[in-house]
């Protein structure tokens, strides 16, 4: 399949399908990025060690940002 055919196929997709393709491309890009993989591993280790945020804290931060228009 040529790049032109890929582009035409994507152009014919629904919004939901295009978002799924975009998510796949982002995933493929991140999975090929060793720096991102290292950062992800660091974050997972920190979470395993108890460095987490409770859903209530997250909701509060979200509300504050939303009120600030961010």
PDB file of N, CA and C in Angstrom:
ATOM      1  N   UNK A   1       0.853  -1.169   0.000  1.00  0.00           N
ATOM      2  CA  UNK A   1       0.000   0.000   0.000  1.00  0.00           C
ATOM      3  C   UNK A   1       0.899   1.231   0.000  1.00  0.00           C
ATOM      4  N   UNK A   2       0.618   2.166  -0.872  1.00  0.00           N
ATOM      5  CA  UNK A   2       1.431   3.375  -0.965  1.00  0.00           C
ATOM      6  C   UNK A   2       1.013   4.381   0.105  1.00  0.00           C
ATOM      7  N   UNK A   3       1.864   5.369   0.317  1.00  0.00           N
ATOM      8  CA  UNK A   3       1.539   6.418   1.285  1.00  0.00           C
ATOM      9  C   UNK A   3       0.277   7.161   0.857  1.00  0.00           C
ATOM     10  N   UNK A   4       0.129   7.388  -0.432  1.00  0.00           N
ATOM     11  CA  UNK A   4      -1.080   8.067  -0.935  1.00  0.00           C
ATOM     12  C   UNK A   4      -2.323   7.254  -0.609  1.00  0.00           C
ATOM     13  N   UNK A   5      -2.230   5.928  -0.734  1.00  0.00           N
ATOM     14  CA  UNK A   5      -3.365   5.071  -0.416  1.00  0.00           C
ATOM     15  C   UNK A   5      -3.666   5.079   1.081  1.00  0.00           C
ATOM     16  N   UNK A   6      -2.623   5.105   1.891  1.00  0.00           N
ATOM     17  CA  UNK A   6      -2.811   5.172   3.340  1.00  0.00           C
ATOM     18  C   UNK A   6      -3.516   6.474   3.700  1.00  0.00           C
ATOM     19  N   UNK A   7      -3.030   7.588   3.151  1.00  0.00           N
ATOM     20  CA  UNK A   7      -3.632   8.898   3.436  1.00  0.00           C
ATOM     21  C   UNK A   7      -5.087   8.943   2.990  1.00  0.00           C
ATOM     22  N   UNK A   8      -5.367   8.414   1.816  1.00  0.00           N
ATOM     23  CA  UNK A   8      -6.745   8.404   1.317  1.00  0.00           C
ATOM     24  C   UNK A   8      -7.628   7.548   2.209  1.00  0.00           C
ATOM     25  N   UNK A   9      -7.101   6.427   2.655  1.00  0.00           N
ATOM     26  CA  UNK A   9      -7.865   5.543   3.542  1.00  0.00           C
ATOM     27  C   UNK A   9      -8.187   6.246   4.854  1.00  0.00           C
ATOM     28  N   UNK A  10      -7.200   6.933   5.406  1.00  0.00           N
ATOM     29  CA  UNK A  10      -7.412   7.656   6.660  1.00  0.00           C
ATOM     30  C   UNK A  10      -8.423   8.777   6.464  1.00  0.00           C
ATOM     31  N   UNK A  11      -8.345   9.464   5.346  1.00  0.00           N
ATOM     32  CA  UNK A  11      -9.285  10.559   5.065  1.00  0.00           C
ATOM     33  C   UNK A  11     -10.723  10.057   5.001  1.00  0.00           C
ATOM     34  N   UNK A  12     -10.919   8.816   4.610  1.00  0.00           N
ATOM     35  CA  UNK A  12     -12.268   8.249   4.503  1.00  0.00           C
ATOM     36  C   UNK A  12     -12.802   7.699   5.820  1.00  0.00           C
ATOM     37  N   UNK A  13     -11.972   7.699   6.865  1.00  0.00           N
ATOM     38  CA  UNK A  13     -12.381   7.130   8.148  1.00  0.00           C
ATOM     39  C   UNK A  13     -13.272   8.083   8.929  1.00  0.00           C
ATOM     40  N   UNK A  14     -13.996   7.500   9.876  1.00  0.00           N
ATOM     41  CA  UNK A  14     -14.773   8.314  10.812  1.00  0.00           C
ATOM     42  C   UNK A  14     -13.804   8.956  11.812  1.00  0.00           C
ATOM     43  N   UNK A  15     -14.282   9.924  12.539  1.00  0.00           N
ATOM     44  CA  UNK A  15     -13.465  10.566  13.566  1.00  0.00           C
ATOM     45  C   UNK A  15     -12.954   9.533  14.563  1.00  0.00           C
ATOM     46  N   UNK A  16     -13.822   8.649  14.992  1.00  0.00           N
ATOM     47  CA  UNK A  16     -13.425   7.622  15.962  1.00  0.00           C
ATOM     48  C   UNK A  16     -12.306   6.739  15.410  1.00  0.00           C
ATOM     49  N   UNK A  17     -12.413   6.353  14.161  1.00  0.00           N
ATOM     50  CA  UNK A  17     -11.380   5.528  13.539  1.00  0.00           C
ATOM     51  C   UNK A  17     -10.057   6.286  13.419  1.00  0.00           C
ATOM     52  N   UNK A  18     -10.123   7.571  13.039  1.00  0.00           N
ATOM     53  CA  UNK A  18      -8.897   8.375  12.927  1.00  0.00           C
ATOM     54  C   UNK A  18      -8.232   8.535  14.286  1.00  0.00           C
ATOM     55  N   UNK A  19      -9.021   8.704  15.345  1.00  0.00           N
ATOM     56  CA  UNK A  19      -8.450   8.805  16.685  1.00  0.00           C
ATOM     57  C   UNK A  19      -7.770   7.505  17.081  1.00  0.00           C
ATOM     58  N   UNK A  20      -8.355   6.380  16.694  1.00  0.00           N
ATOM     59  CA  UNK A  20      -7.738   5.089  16.990  1.00  0.00           C
ATOM     60  C   UNK A  20      -6.411   4.940  16.242  1.00  0.00           C
ATOM     61  N   UNK A  21      -6.375   5.368  14.989  1.00  0.00           N
ATOM     62  CA  UNK A  21      -5.131   5.316  14.210  1.00  0.00           C
ATOM     63  C   UNK A  21      -4.090   6.242  14.842  1.00  0.00           C
ATOM     64  N   UNK A  22      -4.512   7.430  15.263  1.00  0.00           N
ATOM     65  CA  UNK A  22      -3.588   8.370  15.900  1.00  0.00           C
ATOM     66  C   UNK A  22      -3.012   7.782  17.183  1.00  0.00           C
ATOM     67  N   UNK A  23      -3.856   7.105  17.955  1.00  0.00           N
ATOM     68  CA  UNK A  23      -3.381   6.473  19.193  1.00  0.00           C
ATOM     69  C   UNK A  23      -2.382   5.366  18.880  1.00  0.00           C
ATOM     70  N   UNK A  24      -2.642   4.608  17.834  1.00  0.00           N
ATOM     71  CA  UNK A  24      -1.721   3.543  17.436  1.00  0.00           C
ATOM     72  C   UNK A  24      -0.372   4.128  17.026  1.00  0.00           C
ATOM     73  N   UNK A  25      -0.397   5.190  16.238  1.00  0.00           N
ATOM     74  CA  UNK A  25       0.853   5.825  15.801  1.00  0.00           C
ATOM     75  C   UNK A  25       1.620   6.368  16.998  1.00  0.00           C
ATOM     76  N   UNK A  26       0.919   7.016  17.925  1.00  0.00           N
ATOM     77  CA  UNK A  26       1.583   7.539  19.128  1.00  0.00           C
ATOM     78  C   UNK A  26       2.211   6.399  19.923  1.00  0.00           C
ATOM     79  N   UNK A  27       1.481   5.296  20.058  1.00  0.00           N
ATOM     80  CA  UNK A  27       2.010   4.132  20.780  1.00  0.00           C
ATOM     81  C   UNK A  27       3.259   3.590  20.092  1.00  0.00           C
ATOM     82  N   UNK A  28       3.197   3.446  18.795  1.00  0.00           N
ATOM     83  CA  UNK A  28       4.350   2.923  18.054  1.00  0.00           C
ATOM     84  C   UNK A  28       5.559   3.846  18.201  1.00  0.00           C
ATOM     85  N   UNK A  29       5.318   5.144  18.152  1.00  0.00           N
ATOM     86  CA  UNK A  29       6.412   6.107  18.316  1.00  0.00           C
ATOM     87  C   UNK A  29       7.025   6.013  19.706  1.00  0.00           C
ATOM     88  N   UNK A  30       6.170   5.923  20.739  1.00  0.00           N
ATOM     89  CA  UNK A  30       6.676   5.832  22.113  1.00  0.00           C
ATOM     90  C   UNK A  30       7.398   4.514  22.365  1.00  0.00           C
ATOM     91  N   UNK A  31       6.878   3.436  21.814  1.00  0.00           N
ATOM     92  CA  UNK A  31       7.491   2.136  22.070  1.00  0.00           C
ATOM     93  C   UNK A  31       8.861   2.015  21.420  1.00  0.00           C
ATOM     94  N   UNK A  32       9.134   2.843  20.432  1.00  0.00           N
ATOM     95  CA  UNK A  32      10.441   2.839  19.765  1.00  0.00           C
ATOM     96  C   UNK A  32      11.408   3.826  20.418  1.00  0.00           C
ATOM     97  N   UNK A  33      10.945   4.537  21.449  1.00  0.00           N
ATOM     98  CA  UNK A  33      11.742   5.576  22.102  1.00  0.00           C
ATOM     99  C   UNK A  33      12.301   5.035  23.416  1.00  0.00           C
ATOM    100  N   UNK A  34      13.588   4.718  23.431  1.00  0.00           N
ATOM    101  CA  UNK A  34      14.186   4.128  24.631  1.00  0.00           C
ATOM    102  C   UNK A  34      14.166   5.100  25.808  1.00  0.00           C
ATOM    103  N   UNK A  35      14.260   6.392  25.549  1.00  0.00           N
ATOM    104  CA  UNK A  35      14.206   7.385  26.633  1.00  0.00           C
ATOM    105  C   UNK A  35      12.832   7.358  27.300  1.00  0.00           C
ATOM    106  N   UNK A  36      11.785   7.274  26.499  1.00  0.00           N
ATOM    107  CA  UNK A  36      10.425   7.185  27.040  1.00  0.00           C
ATOM    108  C   UNK A  36      10.253   5.902  27.844  1.00  0.00           C
ATOM    109  N   UNK A  37      10.770   4.807  27.331  1.00  0.00           N
ATOM    110  CA  UNK A  37      10.672   3.529  28.040  1.00  0.00           C
ATOM    111  C   UNK A  37      11.362   3.620  29.400  1.00  0.00           C
ATOM    112  N   UNK A  38      12.519   4.288  29.449  1.00  0.00           N
ATOM    113  CA  UNK A  38      13.228   4.460  30.714  1.00  0.00           C
ATOM    114  C   UNK A  38      12.434   5.299  31.697  1.00  0.00           C
ATOM    115  N   UNK A  39      11.818   6.362  31.191  1.00  0.00           N
ATOM    116  CA  UNK A  39      11.000   7.218  32.051  1.00  0.00           C
ATOM    117  C   UNK A  39       9.783   6.453  32.567  1.00  0.00           C
ATOM    118  N   UNK A  40       9.173   5.667  31.716  1.00  0.00           N
ATOM    119  CA  UNK A  40       8.019   4.868  32.121  1.00  0.00           C
ATOM    120  C   UNK A  40       8.412   3.875  33.209  1.00  0.00           C
ATOM    121  N   UNK A  41       9.549   3.242  33.041  1.00  0.00           N
ATOM    122  CA  UNK A  41      10.043   2.287  34.051  1.00  0.00           C
ATOM    123  C   UNK A  41      10.307   2.995  35.380  1.00  0.00           C
ATOM    124  N   UNK A  42      10.895   4.203  35.318  1.00  0.00           N
ATOM    125  CA  UNK A  42      11.162   4.980  36.525  1.00  0.00           C
ATOM    126  C   UNK A  42       9.852   5.306  37.245  1.00  0.00           C
ATOM    127  N   UNK A  43       8.857   5.723  36.482  1.00  0.00           N
ATOM    128  CA  UNK A  43       7.566   6.067  37.089  1.00  0.00           C
ATOM    129  C   UNK A  43       6.886   4.845  37.695  1.00  0.00           C
ATOM    130  N   UNK A  44       6.953   3.723  37.012  1.00  0.00           N
ATOM    131  CA  UNK A  44       6.335   2.504  37.533  1.00  0.00           C
ATOM    132  C   UNK A  44       7.018   2.066  38.828  1.00  0.00           C
ATOM    133  N   UNK A  45       8.329   2.179  38.887  1.00  0.00           N
ATOM    134  CA  UNK A  45       9.069   1.832  40.100  1.00  0.00           C
ATOM    135  C   UNK A  45       8.655   2.748  41.248  1.00  0.00           C
ATOM    136  N   UNK A  46       8.530   4.047  40.963  1.00  0.00           N
ATOM    137  CA  UNK A  46       8.111   4.996  41.998  1.00  0.00           C
ATOM    138  C   UNK A  46       6.716   4.647  42.510  1.00  0.00           C
ATOM    139  N   UNK A  47       5.820   4.271  41.609  1.00  0.00           N
ATOM    140  CA  UNK A  47       4.471   3.890  42.025  1.00  0.00           C
ATOM    141  C   UNK A  47       4.502   2.629  42.869  1.00  0.00           C
ATOM    142  N   UNK A  48       5.339   1.661  42.473  1.00  0.00           N
ATOM    143  CA  UNK A  48       5.470   0.432  43.252  1.00  0.00           C
ATOM    144  C   UNK A  48       5.983   0.709  44.660  1.00  0.00           C
ATOM    145  N   UNK A  49       6.741   1.796  44.805  1.00  0.00           N
ATOM    146  CA  UNK A  49       7.293   2.168  46.108  1.00  0.00           C
ATOM    147  C   UNK A  49       6.320   3.041  46.907  1.00  0.00           C
ATOM    148  N   UNK A  50       5.119   3.236  46.384  1.00  0.00           N
ATOM    149  CA  UNK A  50       4.099   3.961  47.122  1.00  0.00           C
ATOM    150  C   UNK A  50       3.929   5.416  46.738  1.00  0.00           C
ATOM    151  N   UNK A  51       4.650   5.895  45.754  1.00  0.00           N
ATOM    152  CA  UNK A  51       4.530   7.286  45.312  1.00  0.00           C
ATOM    153  C   UNK A  51       3.379   7.387  44.319  1.00  0.00           C
ATOM    154  N   UNK A  52       2.191   7.516  44.876  1.00  0.00           N
ATOM    155  CA  UNK A  52       0.972   7.548  44.065  1.00  0.00           C
ATOM    156  C   UNK A  52       0.131   8.742  44.479  1.00  0.00           C
ATOM    157  N   UNK A  53      -0.882   9.023  43.684  1.00  0.00           N
ATOM    158  CA  UNK A  53      -1.816  10.088  44.015  1.00  0.00           C
ATOM    159  C   UNK A  53      -3.209   9.465  44.117  1.00  0.00           C
ATOM    160  N   UNK A  54      -3.918   9.812  45.153  1.00  0.00           N
ATOM    161  CA  UNK A  54      -5.275   9.290  45.344  1.00  0.00           C
ATOM    162  C   UNK A  54      -6.213   9.949  44.344  1.00  0.00           C
ATOM    163  N   UNK A  55      -7.269   9.247  43.987  1.00  0.00           N
ATOM    164  CA  UNK A  55      -8.215   9.792  43.006  1.00  0.00           C
ATOM    165  C   UNK A  55      -8.820  11.108  43.495  1.00  0.00           C
ATOM    166  N   UNK A  56      -9.007  11.232  44.817  1.00  0.00           N
ATOM    167  CA  UNK A  56      -9.555  12.473  45.357  1.00  0.00           C
ATOM    168  C   UNK A  56      -8.608  13.644  45.109  1.00  0.00           C
ATOM    169  N   UNK A  57      -7.305  13.405  45.255  1.00  0.00           N
ATOM    170  CA  UNK A  57      -6.312  14.454  45.001  1.00  0.00           C
ATOM    171  C   UNK A  57      -6.312  14.838  43.526  1.00  0.00           C
ATOM    172  N   UNK A  58      -6.430  13.843  42.673  1.00  0.00           N
ATOM    173  CA  UNK A  58      -6.453  14.098  41.246  1.00  0.00           C
ATOM    174  C   UNK A  58      -7.688  14.905  40.860  1.00  0.00           C
ATOM    175  N   UNK A  59      -8.830  14.542  41.406  1.00  0.00           N
ATOM    176  CA  UNK A  59     -10.063  15.268  41.119  1.00  0.00           C
ATOM    177  C   UNK A  59      -9.973  16.717  41.602  1.00  0.00           C
ATOM    178  N   UNK A  60      -9.376  16.931  42.765  1.00  0.00           N
ATOM    179  CA  UNK A  60      -9.210  18.284  43.292  1.00  0.00           C
ATOM    180  C   UNK A  60      -8.301  19.100  42.374  1.00  0.00           C
ATOM    181  N   UNK A  61      -7.190  18.521  41.940  1.00  0.00           N
ATOM    182  CA  UNK A  61      -6.277  19.218  41.033  1.00  0.00           C
ATOM    183  C   UNK A  61      -6.981  19.528  39.721  1.00  0.00           C
ATOM    184  N   UNK A  62      -7.776  18.591  39.226  1.00  0.00           N
ATOM    185  CA  UNK A  62      -8.530  18.799  37.989  1.00  0.00           C
ATOM    186  C   UNK A  62      -9.509  19.958  38.142  1.00  0.00           C
ATOM    187  N   UNK A  63     -10.233  19.983  39.243  1.00  0.00           N
ATOM    188  CA  UNK A  63     -11.198  21.063  39.490  1.00  0.00           C
ATOM    189  C   UNK A  63     -10.514  22.422  39.536  1.00  0.00           C
ATOM    190  N   UNK A  64      -9.369  22.486  40.199  1.00  0.00           N
ATOM    191  CA  UNK A  64      -8.619  23.744  40.288  1.00  0.00           C
ATOM    192  C   UNK A  64      -8.187  24.199  38.893  1.00  0.00           C
ATOM    193  N   UNK A  65      -7.625  23.296  38.128  1.00  0.00           N
ATOM    194  CA  UNK A  65      -7.178  23.644  36.778  1.00  0.00           C
ATOM    195  C   UNK A  65      -8.343  24.058  35.891  1.00  0.00           C
ATOM    196  N   UNK A  66      -9.462  23.376  36.049  1.00  0.00           N
ATOM    197  CA  UNK A  66     -10.648  23.698  35.253  1.00  0.00           C
ATOM    198  C   UNK A  66     -11.161  25.092  35.593  1.00  0.00           C
ATOM    199  N   UNK A  67     -11.167  25.437  36.886  1.00  0.00           N
ATOM    200  CA  UNK A  67     -11.594  26.778  37.287  1.00  0.00           C
ATOM    201  C   UNK A  67     -10.663  27.854  36.740  1.00  0.00           C
ATOM    202  N   UNK A  68      -9.390  27.508  36.613  1.00  0.00           N
ATOM    203  CA  UNK A  68      -8.407  28.446  36.081  1.00  0.00           C
ATOM    204  C   UNK A  68      -8.409  28.489  34.560  1.00  0.00           C
ATOM    205  N   UNK A  69      -9.243  27.641  33.959  1.00  0.00           N
ATOM    206  CA  UNK A  69      -9.353  27.624  32.502  1.00  0.00           C
ATOM    207  C   UNK A  69      -8.204  26.915  31.811  1.00  0.00           C
ATOM    208  N   UNK A  70      -7.573  25.996  32.519  1.00  0.00           N
ATOM    209  CA  UNK A  70      -6.443  25.266  31.936  1.00  0.00           C
ATOM    210  C   UNK A  70      -6.824  23.880  31.547  1.00  0.00           C
TER     211      UNK A  70
END
